């Protein structure tokens, strides 16, 4: 994911300090029950599509925009699959971020899957039983997309009495 300008501007003031940011990811599932994945240019891993909303942008709009920017596939967001806080990450340049991720199930409505920006080296549709190696997090999200269940979220921690 390339760094949005508004975050670059913030970094001028705060340096590498931890930033709490919204994040959006998408499980794009077609009518043949294949999932759209990208191979990241920075580390070579296959992953779901995601990104950071621009200021004022609705999360579903971000999911749709990111899918098209990265893969040239047009889609519609159909439902929220999961809302969760990701562990903090430290990037090679020292920047620290922690994301509140909203994950959407999306349905493709047009376009031909291809590498459409510098963030990935490959794009592909994968049958659910022929997925490349993926993180547990991506597999969990894909699993949620294949079931008709309520949105997943971590339950609140119990308060001490």
C-alpha atoms as a PDB file:
ATOM      1  CA  UNK A   1       0.000   0.000   0.000  1.00  0.00           C
ATOM      2  CA  UNK A   2       1.514   3.323  -0.977  1.00  0.00           C
ATOM      3  CA  UNK A   3       1.500   6.053   1.648  1.00  0.00           C
ATOM      4  CA  UNK A   4      -1.213   8.695   1.158  1.00  0.00           C
ATOM      5  CA  UNK A   5      -0.045  12.311   1.016  1.00  0.00           C
ATOM      6  CA  UNK A   6      -1.890  13.264   4.213  1.00  0.00           C
ATOM      7  CA  UNK A   7       0.124  10.660   6.149  1.00  0.00           C
ATOM      8  CA  UNK A   8       3.409  11.815   4.608  1.00  0.00           C
ATOM      9  CA  UNK A   9       2.502  15.336   5.774  1.00  0.00           C
ATOM     10  CA  UNK A  10       1.785  14.061   9.315  1.00  0.00           C
ATOM     11  CA  UNK A  11       5.116  12.244   9.416  1.00  0.00           C
ATOM     12  CA  UNK A  12       6.929  15.570   8.909  1.00  0.00           C
ATOM     13  CA  UNK A  13       5.589  16.626  12.315  1.00  0.00           C
ATOM     14  CA  UNK A  14       5.552  13.360  14.282  1.00  0.00           C
ATOM     15  CA  UNK A  15       8.431  11.410  12.779  1.00  0.00           C
ATOM     16  CA  UNK A  16       8.165   7.644  13.289  1.00  0.00           C
ATOM     17  CA  UNK A  17       5.729   7.757  16.248  1.00  0.00           C
ATOM     18  CA  UNK A  18       2.837   5.303  16.289  1.00  0.00           C
ATOM     19  CA  UNK A  19      -0.096   6.408  14.129  1.00  0.00           C
ATOM     20  CA  UNK A  20      -3.573   4.973  14.785  1.00  0.00           C
ATOM     21  CA  UNK A  21      -5.210   4.700  11.355  1.00  0.00           C
ATOM     22  CA  UNK A  22      -8.343   3.348   9.738  1.00  0.00           C
ATOM     23  CA  UNK A  23      -7.751   0.564   7.244  1.00  0.00           C
ATOM     24  CA  UNK A  24     -10.019  -1.194   4.791  1.00  0.00           C
ATOM     25  CA  UNK A  25      -9.619  -4.608   3.177  1.00  0.00           C
ATOM     26  CA  UNK A  26     -11.723  -6.474   0.640  1.00  0.00           C
ATOM     27  CA  UNK A  27     -12.533 -10.093  -0.092  1.00  0.00           C
ATOM     28  CA  UNK A  28     -13.630  -9.972  -3.729  1.00  0.00           C
ATOM     29  CA  UNK A  29     -15.534 -13.170  -4.472  1.00  0.00           C
ATOM     30  CA  UNK A  30     -16.897 -13.863  -7.952  1.00  0.00           C
ATOM     31  CA  UNK A  31     -19.872 -16.008  -9.001  1.00  0.00           C
ATOM     32  CA  UNK A  32     -17.518 -18.998  -9.501  1.00  0.00           C
ATOM     33  CA  UNK A  33     -16.450 -18.630  -5.822  1.00  0.00           C
ATOM     34  CA  UNK A  34     -12.943 -17.489  -6.729  1.00  0.00           C
ATOM     35  CA  UNK A  35     -11.174 -14.845  -4.661  1.00  0.00           C
ATOM     36  CA  UNK A  36      -9.159 -11.972  -6.132  1.00  0.00           C
ATOM     37  CA  UNK A  37      -5.634 -11.679  -4.692  1.00  0.00           C
ATOM     38  CA  UNK A  38      -2.556  -9.550  -5.296  1.00  0.00           C
ATOM     39  CA  UNK A  39       1.112 -10.396  -4.850  1.00  0.00           C
ATOM     40  CA  UNK A  40       2.699  -7.491  -2.972  1.00  0.00           C
ATOM     41  CA  UNK A  41       5.660  -5.785  -4.627  1.00  0.00           C
ATOM     42  CA  UNK A  42       7.367  -5.032  -1.291  1.00  0.00           C
ATOM     43  CA  UNK A  43       7.552  -8.539   0.190  1.00  0.00           C
ATOM     44  CA  UNK A  44       6.283 -10.931  -2.515  1.00  0.00           C
ATOM     45  CA  UNK A  45       3.402 -12.289  -0.414  1.00  0.00           C
ATOM     46  CA  UNK A  46      -0.068 -12.967  -1.804  1.00  0.00           C
ATOM     47  CA  UNK A  47      -2.734 -11.003   0.051  1.00  0.00           C
ATOM     48  CA  UNK A  48      -6.187  -9.484  -0.003  1.00  0.00           C
ATOM     49  CA  UNK A  49      -6.593  -5.962  -1.343  1.00  0.00           C
ATOM     50  CA  UNK A  50      -6.632  -3.094   1.107  1.00  0.00           C
ATOM     51  CA  UNK A  51      -5.724   0.467   1.858  1.00  0.00           C
ATOM     52  CA  UNK A  52      -6.247   3.603   3.899  1.00  0.00           C
ATOM     53  CA  UNK A  53      -9.316   5.808   3.454  1.00  0.00           C
ATOM     54  CA  UNK A  54      -8.684   9.353   2.312  1.00  0.00           C
ATOM     55  CA  UNK A  55      -9.964  11.971   4.786  1.00  0.00           C
ATOM     56  CA  UNK A  56     -13.774  12.018   4.605  1.00  0.00           C
ATOM     57  CA  UNK A  57     -13.994   8.899   2.423  1.00  0.00           C
ATOM     58  CA  UNK A  58     -16.524   6.237   3.429  1.00  0.00           C
ATOM     59  CA  UNK A  59     -14.938   2.805   4.153  1.00  0.00           C
ATOM     60  CA  UNK A  60     -16.989   0.958   1.490  1.00  0.00           C
ATOM     61  CA  UNK A  61     -15.918   3.582  -1.050  1.00  0.00           C
ATOM     62  CA  UNK A  62     -12.297   2.948  -0.043  1.00  0.00           C
ATOM     63  CA  UNK A  63     -12.678  -0.805  -0.607  1.00  0.00           C
ATOM     64  CA  UNK A  64     -14.139  -0.282  -4.082  1.00  0.00           C
ATOM     65  CA  UNK A  65     -11.490   2.317  -4.985  1.00  0.00           C
ATOM     66  CA  UNK A  66      -8.577   0.193  -3.751  1.00  0.00           C
ATOM     67  CA  UNK A  67      -9.748  -2.895  -5.654  1.00  0.00           C
ATOM     68  CA  UNK A  68      -9.959  -0.936  -8.905  1.00  0.00           C
ATOM     69  CA  UNK A  69      -6.682   0.936  -8.332  1.00  0.00           C
ATOM     70  CA  UNK A  70      -4.753  -2.255  -7.626  1.00  0.00           C
ATOM     71  CA  UNK A  71      -6.428  -4.750  -9.982  1.00  0.00           C
ATOM     72  CA  UNK A  72      -8.566  -2.849 -12.573  1.00  0.00           C
ATOM     73  CA  UNK A  73     -11.577  -4.866 -11.343  1.00  0.00           C
ATOM     74  CA  UNK A  74     -14.690  -2.819 -10.624  1.00  0.00           C
ATOM     75  CA  UNK A  75     -16.726  -4.092  -7.696  1.00  0.00           C
ATOM     76  CA  UNK A  76     -19.485  -3.267  -5.241  1.00  0.00           C
ATOM     77  CA  UNK A  77     -19.217  -3.673  -1.492  1.00  0.00           C
ATOM     78  CA  UNK A  78     -21.966  -5.989  -0.263  1.00  0.00           C
ATOM     79  CA  UNK A  79     -21.431  -6.353   3.487  1.00  0.00           C
ATOM     80  CA  UNK A  80     -19.016  -5.884   6.354  1.00  0.00           C
ATOM     81  CA  UNK A  81     -17.331  -9.176   7.248  1.00  0.00           C
ATOM     82  CA  UNK A  82     -15.112  -8.147  10.123  1.00  0.00           C
ATOM     83  CA  UNK A  83     -13.989  -5.186  12.198  1.00  0.00           C
ATOM     84  CA  UNK A  84     -10.783  -5.656  14.150  1.00  0.00           C
ATOM     85  CA  UNK A  85      -7.711  -3.951  15.521  1.00  0.00           C
ATOM     86  CA  UNK A  86      -4.482  -5.128  13.952  1.00  0.00           C
ATOM     87  CA  UNK A  87      -1.243  -5.483  15.920  1.00  0.00           C
ATOM     88  CA  UNK A  88       1.143  -2.524  15.572  1.00  0.00           C
ATOM     89  CA  UNK A  89       3.519  -2.691  12.598  1.00  0.00           C
ATOM     90  CA  UNK A  90       6.920  -1.113  12.078  1.00  0.00           C
ATOM     91  CA  UNK A  91       7.869  -0.445   8.478  1.00  0.00           C
ATOM     92  CA  UNK A  92      11.457  -0.712   7.172  1.00  0.00           C
ATOM     93  CA  UNK A  93      11.799   3.108   7.293  1.00  0.00           C
ATOM     94  CA  UNK A  94      10.933   3.076  11.036  1.00  0.00           C
ATOM     95  CA  UNK A  95       7.363   4.362  10.721  1.00  0.00           C
ATOM     96  CA  UNK A  96       4.943   2.745  13.179  1.00  0.00           C
ATOM     97  CA  UNK A  97       1.220   2.265  12.543  1.00  0.00           C
ATOM     98  CA  UNK A  98      -1.682   0.397  14.032  1.00  0.00           C
ATOM     99  CA  UNK A  99      -4.835  -0.128  11.985  1.00  0.00           C
ATOM    100  CA  UNK A 100      -8.496  -0.494  12.812  1.00  0.00           C
ATOM    101  CA  UNK A 101      -9.467  -2.650   9.823  1.00  0.00           C
ATOM    102  CA  UNK A 102     -12.928  -2.868   8.306  1.00  0.00           C
ATOM    103  CA  UNK A 103     -13.145  -5.868   5.993  1.00  0.00           C
ATOM    104  CA  UNK A 104     -15.781  -5.995   3.227  1.00  0.00           C
ATOM    105  CA  UNK A 105     -17.188  -8.716   1.025  1.00  0.00           C
ATOM    106  CA  UNK A 106     -17.186  -7.326  -2.512  1.00  0.00           C
ATOM    107  CA  UNK A 107     -18.720  -8.591  -5.754  1.00  0.00           C
ATOM    108  CA  UNK A 108     -16.986  -7.891  -9.079  1.00  0.00           C
ATOM    109  CA  UNK A 109     -19.103  -6.077 -11.677  1.00  0.00           C
ATOM    110  CA  UNK A 110     -16.587  -5.396 -14.454  1.00  0.00           C
ATOM    111  CA  UNK A 111     -13.018  -4.967 -15.547  1.00  0.00           C
ATOM    112  CA  UNK A 112     -10.316  -7.515 -16.250  1.00  0.00           C
ATOM    113  CA  UNK A 113      -7.968  -8.507 -13.425  1.00  0.00           C
ATOM    114  CA  UNK A 114      -4.435  -7.241 -14.017  1.00  0.00           C
ATOM    115  CA  UNK A 115      -1.610  -5.458 -12.225  1.00  0.00           C
ATOM    116  CA  UNK A 116      -2.850  -1.865 -12.215  1.00  0.00           C
ATOM    117  CA  UNK A 117      -0.322  -0.020 -10.018  1.00  0.00           C
ATOM    118  CA  UNK A 118       3.164  -0.318  -8.524  1.00  0.00           C
ATOM    119  CA  UNK A 119       1.968  -1.979  -5.294  1.00  0.00           C
ATOM    120  CA  UNK A 120       1.741  -5.498  -6.739  1.00  0.00           C
ATOM    121  CA  UNK A 121       3.605  -7.717  -9.173  1.00  0.00           C
ATOM    122  CA  UNK A 122       0.786 -10.188  -9.897  1.00  0.00           C
ATOM    123  CA  UNK A 123      -3.000 -10.287  -9.691  1.00  0.00           C
ATOM    124  CA  UNK A 124      -5.120 -13.400  -9.943  1.00  0.00           C
ATOM    125  CA  UNK A 125      -8.395 -15.167  -9.282  1.00  0.00           C
ATOM    126  CA  UNK A 126      -8.045 -18.284  -7.123  1.00  0.00           C
ATOM    127  CA  UNK A 127     -10.472 -21.106  -6.422  1.00  0.00           C
ATOM    128  CA  UNK A 128     -11.044 -21.516  -2.689  1.00  0.00           C
ATOM    129  CA  UNK A 129      -9.385 -24.952  -2.753  1.00  0.00           C
ATOM    130  CA  UNK A 130      -6.361 -23.674  -4.737  1.00  0.00           C
ATOM    131  CA  UNK A 131      -5.275 -20.625  -2.744  1.00  0.00           C
ATOM    132  CA  UNK A 132      -1.586 -19.672  -2.631  1.00  0.00           C
ATOM    133  CA  UNK A 133       0.056 -19.386   0.798  1.00  0.00           C
ATOM    134  CA  UNK A 134      -1.814 -16.671   2.744  1.00  0.00           C
ATOM    135  CA  UNK A 135      -1.698 -15.279   6.253  1.00  0.00           C
ATOM    136  CA  UNK A 136      -4.063 -16.734   8.844  1.00  0.00           C
ATOM    137  CA  UNK A 137      -5.755 -13.345   8.904  1.00  0.00           C
ATOM    138  CA  UNK A 138      -6.487 -13.455   5.148  1.00  0.00           C
ATOM    139  CA  UNK A 139      -7.735 -17.045   5.397  1.00  0.00           C
ATOM    140  CA  UNK A 140     -10.077 -16.102   8.252  1.00  0.00           C
ATOM    141  CA  UNK A 141     -11.516 -13.233   6.212  1.00  0.00           C
ATOM    142  CA  UNK A 142     -12.017 -15.441   3.176  1.00  0.00           C
ATOM    143  CA  UNK A 143     -13.745 -17.986   5.424  1.00  0.00           C
ATOM    144  CA  UNK A 144     -16.132 -15.308   6.680  1.00  0.00           C
ATOM    145  CA  UNK A 145     -16.895 -14.315   3.076  1.00  0.00           C
ATOM    146  CA  UNK A 146     -18.029 -17.849   2.260  1.00  0.00           C
ATOM    147  CA  UNK A 147     -20.499 -18.049   5.132  1.00  0.00           C
ATOM    148  CA  UNK A 148     -23.660 -16.079   5.783  1.00  0.00           C
ATOM    149  CA  UNK A 149     -22.889 -15.001   9.332  1.00  0.00           C
ATOM    150  CA  UNK A 150     -23.075 -11.736  11.252  1.00  0.00           C
ATOM    151  CA  UNK A 151     -20.149  -9.331  11.157  1.00  0.00           C
ATOM    152  CA  UNK A 152     -17.255 -10.599  13.290  1.00  0.00           C
ATOM    153  CA  UNK A 153     -15.751  -8.393  15.983  1.00  0.00           C
ATOM    154  CA  UNK A 154     -13.770  -9.100  19.113  1.00  0.00           C
ATOM    155  CA  UNK A 155     -16.038  -9.104  22.161  1.00  0.00           C
ATOM    156  CA  UNK A 156     -15.418  -6.377  24.737  1.00  0.00           C
ATOM    157  CA  UNK A 157     -13.050  -7.276  27.543  1.00  0.00           C
ATOM    158  CA  UNK A 158     -14.817  -7.903  30.854  1.00  0.00           C
ATOM    159  CA  UNK A 159     -14.549  -5.044  33.308  1.00  0.00           C
ATOM    160  CA  UNK A 160     -13.178  -5.881  36.744  1.00  0.00           C
ATOM    161  CA  UNK A 161     -15.803  -5.780  39.501  1.00  0.00           C
END
